[in-house]
Structures are given as C-alpha cells and as structure tokens.
C-alpha cells in the first residue's frame, strides 16, 4: 500500500491515517506531496491529479484501489484488518467512537481555522489572544475538553477508549494544536495530550515534521518566517 501525504508540519488530515497505520503495524510506503500552493496549476495539485480527482491528501492506494478521505481510509483499514481492533471492540463504544470521529470530521471549524496545525511552532500568546477574541474557538475548545474528559473517565484511559484506536489517531492533530497554542486544559485532558504525543507513531510524525524545515507562508497566518 501507498499513503500519499502532505507536509507533516501542517497537514492534519494526512497525520491521521499515517499515525493509525504506523501505530498498529500496518505496512505502507509513504509518498510525500510537498505543499507549494493549492491552486489548480500548483505542482501539488497537478501531481495529485494523477492519483485522485479529489485533489486532496491523504490518499491510500492499495493495488488498483484508491481510497481518499480520512474516514473512508480508516474504515477500509478496519474492515480489511479486523483482528487489529482499530475500532473499540464493544459495540456501544464503537458507535461512540464513530460519533466523535464524525464530529471531528465535520465540525470544529473555528478551531481548525484559528489554531492551524503547526508542529514546529510554539505560539501560546497567539493561543490566548484567539481565545479572548474568538468566542467560537472557545466553544470548540470547551466541547473537546468535555468530550475527552468524559471518555477518559468512562473508559479509564490511557487513550479515549482505553486502548489506542482510530479515535486517538483522529484527534492526534488536535493534540498537536494544543501543544502549539497552549490553551488552558484540565489536568486529565492535558495529560492525555502528552500521552498521545509520546505514542511511538506520533513521536515519529513529530520528528518528521521538525526535520522538514520547510516554511510555507500560505500555511502561516501568525509568522512571516521560521
């Protein structure tokens, strides 16, 4: 299998399946697609058009099958590798895990916009300013804190549903955002963020992001240089 991904420092969508596959031992070839812009004539878009008409990463290629969209990739991996337990084994927990992943997939737009993933940066002042001026970001943050706190309490940790699952891979980029912008978090949630960051696959992704040293101005609303 091949997994096409964008820049590790910025591409939150790419991070999800990469971490899921790496953490659970699914072998794949990584195909980096460097961001140089998202206009139709950009090299990124032209190269990706040869793989999928969707024009976005991540993309999973398994033989002659092309799967795009992070949820579709996660579901395909779960269906083709049922013994790995990528979703929680309990039916009720599985339904809940799918619900929170779908909520992340379609929601939290304010958090995405104003706390873009930027792993190499530490921007606590920006994080605080955003919370003071953007009530919609505060609302997103409060919902995530409530969600994670409840799941950790119900399932006992260390991950959201006890053992590592698709849900943890799905929220790993949010953990990266929290490390960058340092919003105030209750201790159980802050501890979960650090446990996710310490997962071998997440640590490997972070190391890759730090090694890129590839400043992309169009991905940087808060900085003009590295």
C-alpha atoms as a PDB file:
ATOM      1  CA  UNK A   1       0.000   0.000   0.000  1.00  0.00           C
ATOM      2  CA  UNK A   2       0.977   3.608  -0.579  1.00  0.00           C
ATOM      3  CA  UNK A   3      -0.146   6.567   1.505  1.00  0.00           C
ATOM      4  CA  UNK A   4       0.103   9.985  -0.125  1.00  0.00           C
ATOM      5  CA  UNK A   5       0.538  12.750   2.448  1.00  0.00           C
ATOM      6  CA  UNK A   6       1.240  16.467   2.618  1.00  0.00           C
ATOM      7  CA  UNK A   7       3.790  18.329   4.739  1.00  0.00           C
ATOM      8  CA  UNK A   8       3.992  16.735   8.177  1.00  0.00           C
ATOM      9  CA  UNK A   9       4.280  20.094   9.900  1.00  0.00           C
ATOM     10  CA  UNK A  10       0.969  21.339   8.528  1.00  0.00           C
ATOM     11  CA  UNK A  11      -1.174  18.503   7.178  1.00  0.00           C
ATOM     12  CA  UNK A  12      -3.505  17.447   9.975  1.00  0.00           C
ATOM     13  CA  UNK A  13      -5.580  15.300   7.629  1.00  0.00           C
ATOM     14  CA  UNK A  14      -2.507  13.367   6.481  1.00  0.00           C
ATOM     15  CA  UNK A  15      -1.419  12.778  10.060  1.00  0.00           C
ATOM     16  CA  UNK A  16      -4.492  10.738  10.982  1.00  0.00           C
ATOM     17  CA  UNK A  17      -4.114   7.653   8.740  1.00  0.00           C
ATOM     18  CA  UNK A  18      -0.313   7.786   8.922  1.00  0.00           C
ATOM     19  CA  UNK A  19      -0.389   7.593  12.725  1.00  0.00           C
ATOM     20  CA  UNK A  20      -3.118   4.948  12.663  1.00  0.00           C
ATOM     21  CA  UNK A  21      -1.154   2.690  10.319  1.00  0.00           C
ATOM     22  CA  UNK A  22       2.237   3.251  11.911  1.00  0.00           C
ATOM     23  CA  UNK A  23       0.965   2.729  15.467  1.00  0.00           C
ATOM     24  CA  UNK A  24      -0.849  -0.507  14.617  1.00  0.00           C
ATOM     25  CA  UNK A  25       1.905  -2.007  12.458  1.00  0.00           C
ATOM     26  CA  UNK A  26       0.211  -1.760   9.053  1.00  0.00           C
ATOM     27  CA  UNK A  27       2.966  -1.654   6.464  1.00  0.00           C
ATOM     28  CA  UNK A  28       2.816   1.055   3.817  1.00  0.00           C
ATOM     29  CA  UNK A  29       5.006   3.199   1.611  1.00  0.00           C
ATOM     30  CA  UNK A  30       4.898   6.900   2.422  1.00  0.00           C
ATOM     31  CA  UNK A  31       4.618   9.196  -0.604  1.00  0.00           C
ATOM     32  CA  UNK A  32       5.185  12.848   0.395  1.00  0.00           C
ATOM     33  CA  UNK A  33       3.436  15.509  -1.673  1.00  0.00           C
ATOM     34  CA  UNK A  34       5.045  18.854  -0.795  1.00  0.00           C
ATOM     35  CA  UNK A  35       2.664  21.762  -0.480  1.00  0.00           C
ATOM     36  CA  UNK A  36       3.546  24.560  -2.894  1.00  0.00           C
ATOM     37  CA  UNK A  37       0.062  26.049  -3.096  1.00  0.00           C
ATOM     38  CA  UNK A  38      -3.444  24.785  -3.687  1.00  0.00           C
ATOM     39  CA  UNK A  39      -4.273  26.468  -6.970  1.00  0.00           C
ATOM     40  CA  UNK A  40      -5.103  24.129  -9.889  1.00  0.00           C
ATOM     41  CA  UNK A  41      -1.776  24.924 -11.569  1.00  0.00           C
ATOM     42  CA  UNK A  42       0.334  24.216  -8.471  1.00  0.00           C
ATOM     43  CA  UNK A  43       2.739  21.304  -8.644  1.00  0.00           C
ATOM     44  CA  UNK A  44       0.960  19.740  -5.659  1.00  0.00           C
ATOM     45  CA  UNK A  45      -2.414  19.751  -7.409  1.00  0.00           C
ATOM     46  CA  UNK A  46      -1.028  18.590 -10.750  1.00  0.00           C
ATOM     47  CA  UNK A  47       0.870  15.690  -9.189  1.00  0.00           C
ATOM     48  CA  UNK A  48      -2.077  14.651  -7.046  1.00  0.00           C
ATOM     49  CA  UNK A  49      -4.456  14.730 -10.016  1.00  0.00           C
ATOM     50  CA  UNK A  50      -2.590  11.688 -11.351  1.00  0.00           C
ATOM     51  CA  UNK A  51      -3.646   9.772  -8.231  1.00  0.00           C
ATOM     52  CA  UNK A  52      -7.149  11.027  -7.451  1.00  0.00           C
ATOM     53  CA  UNK A  53      -9.540  13.583  -8.942  1.00  0.00           C
ATOM     54  CA  UNK A  54     -10.417  14.688  -5.398  1.00  0.00           C
ATOM     55  CA  UNK A  55      -7.190  16.671  -5.348  1.00  0.00           C
ATOM     56  CA  UNK A  56      -6.561  16.349  -1.610  1.00  0.00           C
ATOM     57  CA  UNK A  57      -4.364  14.347   0.724  1.00  0.00           C
ATOM     58  CA  UNK A  58      -4.322  11.848   2.287  1.00  0.00           C
ATOM     59  CA  UNK A  59      -4.867   9.188  -0.353  1.00  0.00           C
ATOM     60  CA  UNK A  60      -4.423   5.461   0.215  1.00  0.00           C
ATOM     61  CA  UNK A  61      -3.585   3.292  -2.792  1.00  0.00           C
ATOM     62  CA  UNK A  62      -3.911  -0.462  -2.324  1.00  0.00           C
ATOM     63  CA  UNK A  63      -3.220  -2.203  -5.619  1.00  0.00           C
ATOM     64  CA  UNK A  64      -5.709  -0.761  -8.087  1.00  0.00           C
ATOM     65  CA  UNK A  65      -7.944   0.630  -5.322  1.00  0.00           C
ATOM     66  CA  UNK A  66      -7.747   4.325  -4.473  1.00  0.00           C
ATOM     67  CA  UNK A  67      -9.291   5.473  -1.195  1.00  0.00           C
ATOM     68  CA  UNK A  68      -9.425   9.122  -0.218  1.00  0.00           C
ATOM     69  CA  UNK A  69     -10.871  10.932   2.793  1.00  0.00           C
ATOM     70  CA  UNK A  70      -9.595  10.071   6.247  1.00  0.00           C
ATOM     71  CA  UNK A  71     -12.754   8.388   7.496  1.00  0.00           C
ATOM     72  CA  UNK A  72     -13.004   6.242   4.379  1.00  0.00           C
ATOM     73  CA  UNK A  73      -9.364   5.209   4.788  1.00  0.00           C
ATOM     74  CA  UNK A  74      -9.892   4.366   8.453  1.00  0.00           C
ATOM     75  CA  UNK A  75     -12.999   2.315   7.711  1.00  0.00           C
ATOM     76  CA  UNK A  76     -11.248   0.456   4.884  1.00  0.00           C
ATOM     77  CA  UNK A  77      -8.348  -0.448   7.148  1.00  0.00           C
ATOM     78  CA  UNK A  78     -10.703  -1.552   9.927  1.00  0.00           C
ATOM     79  CA  UNK A  79     -12.710  -3.750   7.542  1.00  0.00           C
ATOM     80  CA  UNK A  80      -9.690  -5.374   5.899  1.00  0.00           C
ATOM     81  CA  UNK A  81      -7.818  -5.930   9.178  1.00  0.00           C
ATOM     82  CA  UNK A  82     -10.481  -6.826  11.740  1.00  0.00           C
ATOM     83  CA  UNK A  83      -8.044  -8.572  14.090  1.00  0.00           C
ATOM     84  CA  UNK A  84      -6.217  -5.288  14.784  1.00  0.00           C
ATOM     85  CA  UNK A  85      -9.184  -3.810  16.650  1.00  0.00           C
ATOM     86  CA  UNK A  86      -8.850  -0.379  15.066  1.00  0.00           C
ATOM     87  CA  UNK A  87     -12.297   0.498  16.393  1.00  0.00           C
ATOM     88  CA  UNK A  88     -13.184  -0.395  20.015  1.00  0.00           C
ATOM     89  CA  UNK A  89     -14.399  -3.970  20.376  1.00  0.00           C
ATOM     90  CA  UNK A  90     -17.563  -3.143  22.318  1.00  0.00           C
ATOM     91  CA  UNK A  91     -20.490  -2.293  20.047  1.00  0.00           C
ATOM     92  CA  UNK A  92     -21.552   0.673  22.171  1.00  0.00           C
ATOM     93  CA  UNK A  93     -18.001   2.014  22.362  1.00  0.00           C
ATOM     94  CA  UNK A  94     -17.606   1.533  18.609  1.00  0.00           C
ATOM     95  CA  UNK A  95     -20.707   3.604  17.942  1.00  0.00           C
ATOM     96  CA  UNK A  96     -19.466   6.320  20.277  1.00  0.00           C
ATOM     97  CA  UNK A  97     -16.022   6.313  18.680  1.00  0.00           C
ATOM     98  CA  UNK A  98     -17.549   6.688  15.239  1.00  0.00           C
ATOM     99  CA  UNK A  99     -19.693   9.548  16.531  1.00  0.00           C
ATOM    100  CA  UNK A 100     -16.793  11.552  17.934  1.00  0.00           C
ATOM    101  CA  UNK A 101     -14.691  10.951  14.814  1.00  0.00           C
ATOM    102  CA  UNK A 102     -17.558  12.130  12.619  1.00  0.00           C
ATOM    103  CA  UNK A 103     -17.965  15.189  14.823  1.00  0.00           C
ATOM    104  CA  UNK A 104     -14.272  15.982  14.366  1.00  0.00           C
ATOM    105  CA  UNK A 105     -14.513  15.284  10.646  1.00  0.00           C
ATOM    106  CA  UNK A 106     -17.318  17.763  10.008  1.00  0.00           C
ATOM    107  CA  UNK A 107     -17.034  20.192  12.914  1.00  0.00           C
ATOM    108  CA  UNK A 108     -14.710  22.394  14.948  1.00  0.00           C
ATOM    109  CA  UNK A 109     -14.241  24.763  12.022  1.00  0.00           C
ATOM    110  CA  UNK A 110     -13.244  27.697  14.210  1.00  0.00           C
ATOM    111  CA  UNK A 111     -10.545  25.688  15.953  1.00  0.00           C
ATOM    112  CA  UNK A 112      -9.208  24.470  12.616  1.00  0.00           C
ATOM    113  CA  UNK A 113      -9.100  27.981  11.167  1.00  0.00           C
ATOM    114  CA  UNK A 114      -7.623  29.872  14.094  1.00  0.00           C
ATOM    115  CA  UNK A 115      -5.449  27.090  15.552  1.00  0.00           C
ATOM    116  CA  UNK A 116      -3.974  25.637  12.328  1.00  0.00           C
ATOM    117  CA  UNK A 117      -1.608  22.733  12.873  1.00  0.00           C
ATOM    118  CA  UNK A 118       1.993  23.921  13.010  1.00  0.00           C
ATOM    119  CA  UNK A 119       4.010  21.361  14.938  1.00  0.00           C
ATOM    120  CA  UNK A 120       7.364  23.143  14.923  1.00  0.00           C
ATOM    121  CA  UNK A 121       5.915  26.334  16.442  1.00  0.00           C
ATOM    122  CA  UNK A 122       5.103  27.341  19.999  1.00  0.00           C
ATOM    123  CA  UNK A 123       2.594  30.204  19.957  1.00  0.00           C
ATOM    124  CA  UNK A 124       0.985  30.461  23.416  1.00  0.00           C
ATOM    125  CA  UNK A 125       0.440  34.222  23.135  1.00  0.00           C
ATOM    126  CA  UNK A 126      -1.482  33.716  19.906  1.00  0.00           C
ATOM    127  CA  UNK A 127      -3.455  30.937  21.536  1.00  0.00           C
ATOM    128  CA  UNK A 128      -4.528  33.183  24.398  1.00  0.00           C
ATOM    129  CA  UNK A 129      -5.368  36.103  22.105  1.00  0.00           C
ATOM    130  CA  UNK A 130      -7.532  33.877  19.933  1.00  0.00           C
ATOM    131  CA  UNK A 131      -9.474  32.642  22.957  1.00  0.00           C
ATOM    132  CA  UNK A 132     -10.025  36.239  24.090  1.00  0.00           C
ATOM    133  CA  UNK A 133     -11.262  37.481  20.718  1.00  0.00           C
ATOM    134  CA  UNK A 134     -12.906  34.427  19.130  1.00  0.00           C
ATOM    135  CA  UNK A 135     -15.756  33.018  21.246  1.00  0.00           C
ATOM    136  CA  UNK A 136     -16.367  30.351  18.598  1.00  0.00           C
ATOM    137  CA  UNK A 137     -12.892  28.938  19.263  1.00  0.00           C
ATOM    138  CA  UNK A 138     -13.620  28.900  22.996  1.00  0.00           C
ATOM    139  CA  UNK A 139     -16.824  26.984  22.221  1.00  0.00           C
ATOM    140  CA  UNK A 140     -14.934  24.395  20.168  1.00  0.00           C
ATOM    141  CA  UNK A 141     -12.304  24.062  22.885  1.00  0.00           C
ATOM    142  CA  UNK A 142     -14.912  23.604  25.608  1.00  0.00           C
ATOM    143  CA  UNK A 143     -16.638  20.859  23.606  1.00  0.00           C
ATOM    144  CA  UNK A 144     -13.395  18.958  23.031  1.00  0.00           C
ATOM    145  CA  UNK A 145     -12.430  19.234  26.702  1.00  0.00           C
ATOM    146  CA  UNK A 146     -15.882  17.991  27.729  1.00  0.00           C
ATOM    147  CA  UNK A 147     -15.757  15.127  25.211  1.00  0.00           C
ATOM    148  CA  UNK A 148     -12.276  13.924  26.076  1.00  0.00           C
ATOM    149  CA  UNK A 149     -12.820  14.291  29.800  1.00  0.00           C
ATOM    150  CA  UNK A 150     -15.950  12.170  29.683  1.00  0.00           C
ATOM    151  CA  UNK A 151     -14.400   9.465  27.511  1.00  0.00           C
ATOM    152  CA  UNK A 152     -11.286   9.239  29.675  1.00  0.00           C
ATOM    153  CA  UNK A 153     -13.434   8.989  32.785  1.00  0.00           C
ATOM    154  CA  UNK A 154     -15.795   6.353  31.372  1.00  0.00           C
ATOM    155  CA  UNK A 155     -13.140   4.174  29.736  1.00  0.00           C
ATOM    156  CA  UNK A 156     -10.357   4.733  32.248  1.00  0.00           C
ATOM    157  CA  UNK A 157      -7.658   5.754  29.765  1.00  0.00           C
ATOM    158  CA  UNK A 158      -4.913   5.838  28.841  1.00  0.00           C
ATOM    159  CA  UNK A 159      -6.495   6.533  25.438  1.00  0.00           C
ATOM    160  CA  UNK A 160     -10.025   7.785  24.753  1.00  0.00           C
ATOM    161  CA  UNK A 161     -11.495   4.277  24.602  1.00  0.00           C
ATOM    162  CA  UNK A 162      -8.943   2.528  26.777  1.00  0.00           C
ATOM    163  CA  UNK A 163      -6.645   1.079  24.130  1.00  0.00           C
ATOM    164  CA  UNK A 164      -5.391   3.048  21.128  1.00  0.00           C
ATOM    165  CA  UNK A 165      -7.998   3.277  18.378  1.00  0.00           C
ATOM    166  CA  UNK A 166      -8.987   5.257  15.305  1.00  0.00           C
ATOM    167  CA  UNK A 167     -10.390   7.924  17.626  1.00  0.00           C
ATOM    168  CA  UNK A 168      -6.953   8.687  19.085  1.00  0.00           C
ATOM    169  CA  UNK A 169      -5.403   8.878  15.618  1.00  0.00           C
ATOM    170  CA  UNK A 170      -8.236  11.164  14.596  1.00  0.00           C
ATOM    171  CA  UNK A 171      -7.653  13.586  17.457  1.00  0.00           C
ATOM    172  CA  UNK A 172      -3.845  13.457  17.352  1.00  0.00           C
ATOM    173  CA  UNK A 173      -3.688  16.654  15.234  1.00  0.00           C
ATOM    174  CA  UNK A 174      -5.830  18.438  17.831  1.00  0.00           C
ATOM    175  CA  UNK A 175      -3.281  17.413  20.453  1.00  0.00           C
ATOM    176  CA  UNK A 176      -0.606  18.964  18.244  1.00  0.00           C
ATOM    177  CA  UNK A 177      -2.614  22.200  18.059  1.00  0.00           C
ATOM    178  CA  UNK A 178      -2.952  22.277  21.831  1.00  0.00           C
ATOM    179  CA  UNK A 179       0.819  21.881  22.220  1.00  0.00           C
ATOM    180  CA  UNK A 180       1.389  24.772  19.792  1.00  0.00           C
ATOM    181  CA  UNK A 181      -1.169  27.261  21.137  1.00  0.00           C
ATOM    182  CA  UNK A 182      -1.231  26.124  24.795  1.00  0.00           C
ATOM    183  CA  UNK A 183      -4.862  26.791  25.709  1.00  0.00           C
ATOM    184  CA  UNK A 184      -5.696  26.127  29.372  1.00  0.00           C
ATOM    185  CA  UNK A 185      -6.662  22.474  29.811  1.00  0.00           C
ATOM    186  CA  UNK A 186      -7.784  20.497  32.850  1.00  0.00           C
ATOM    187  CA  UNK A 187      -5.147  18.087  34.102  1.00  0.00           C
ATOM    188  CA  UNK A 188      -6.704  14.850  32.770  1.00  0.00           C
ATOM    189  CA  UNK A 189      -7.014  16.347  29.286  1.00  0.00           C
ATOM    190  CA  UNK A 190      -3.524  17.882  29.371  1.00  0.00           C
ATOM    191  CA  UNK A 191      -2.124  14.510  30.450  1.00  0.00           C
ATOM    192  CA  UNK A 192      -3.924  12.801  27.569  1.00  0.00           C
ATOM    193  CA  UNK A 193      -2.378  15.270  25.117  1.00  0.00           C
ATOM    194  CA  UNK A 194       1.091  14.344  26.356  1.00  0.00           C
ATOM    195  CA  UNK A 195       0.335  10.611  26.243  1.00  0.00           C
ATOM    196  CA  UNK A 196      -0.718  10.957  22.620  1.00  0.00           C
ATOM    197  CA  UNK A 197       2.415  12.956  21.807  1.00  0.00           C
ATOM    198  CA  UNK A 198       4.509  10.170  23.362  1.00  0.00           C
ATOM    199  CA  UNK A 199       2.999   7.391  21.240  1.00  0.00           C
ATOM    200  CA  UNK A 200       5.734   5.943  19.007  1.00  0.00           C
ATOM    201  CA  UNK A 201       3.858   6.767  15.797  1.00  0.00           C
ATOM    202  CA  UNK A 202       3.029  10.303  16.884  1.00  0.00           C
ATOM    203  CA  UNK A 203       6.589  10.908  18.025  1.00  0.00           C
ATOM    204  CA  UNK A 204       7.825   9.670  14.643  1.00  0.00           C
ATOM    205  CA  UNK A 205       5.445  12.081  12.875  1.00  0.00           C
ATOM    206  CA  UNK A 206       6.616  14.972  15.074  1.00  0.00           C
ATOM    207  CA  UNK A 207      10.255  14.115  14.350  1.00  0.00           C
ATOM    208  CA  UNK A 208       9.461  14.119  10.643  1.00  0.00           C
ATOM    209  CA  UNK A 209       7.715  17.483  10.903  1.00  0.00           C
ATOM    210  CA  UNK A 210      10.671  19.033  12.718  1.00  0.00           C
ATOM    211  CA  UNK A 211      13.093  17.642  10.153  1.00  0.00           C
ATOM    212  CA  UNK A 212      11.237  19.185   7.194  1.00  0.00           C
ATOM    213  CA  UNK A 213      12.321  22.773   7.883  1.00  0.00           C
ATOM    214  CA  UNK A 214      10.006  23.749   5.035  1.00  0.00           C
ATOM    215  CA  UNK A 215       8.403  27.118   5.776  1.00  0.00           C
ATOM    216  CA  UNK A 216       5.208  27.528   3.754  1.00  0.00           C
ATOM    217  CA  UNK A 217       3.976  31.166   4.002  1.00  0.00           C
ATOM    218  CA  UNK A 218       0.426  30.334   2.887  1.00  0.00           C
ATOM    219  CA  UNK A 219       0.122  27.943   5.849  1.00  0.00           C
ATOM    220  CA  UNK A 220       1.401  30.518   8.347  1.00  0.00           C
ATOM    221  CA  UNK A 221      -1.187  33.080   9.496  1.00  0.00           C
ATOM    222  CA  UNK A 222       0.902  34.055  12.543  1.00  0.00           C
ATOM    223  CA  UNK A 223       4.518  34.025  11.334  1.00  0.00           C
ATOM    224  CA  UNK A 224       6.440  35.595   8.470  1.00  0.00           C
ATOM    225  CA  UNK A 225       9.488  33.332   8.842  1.00  0.00           C
ATOM    226  CA  UNK A 226      10.672  30.290  10.747  1.00  0.00           C
END
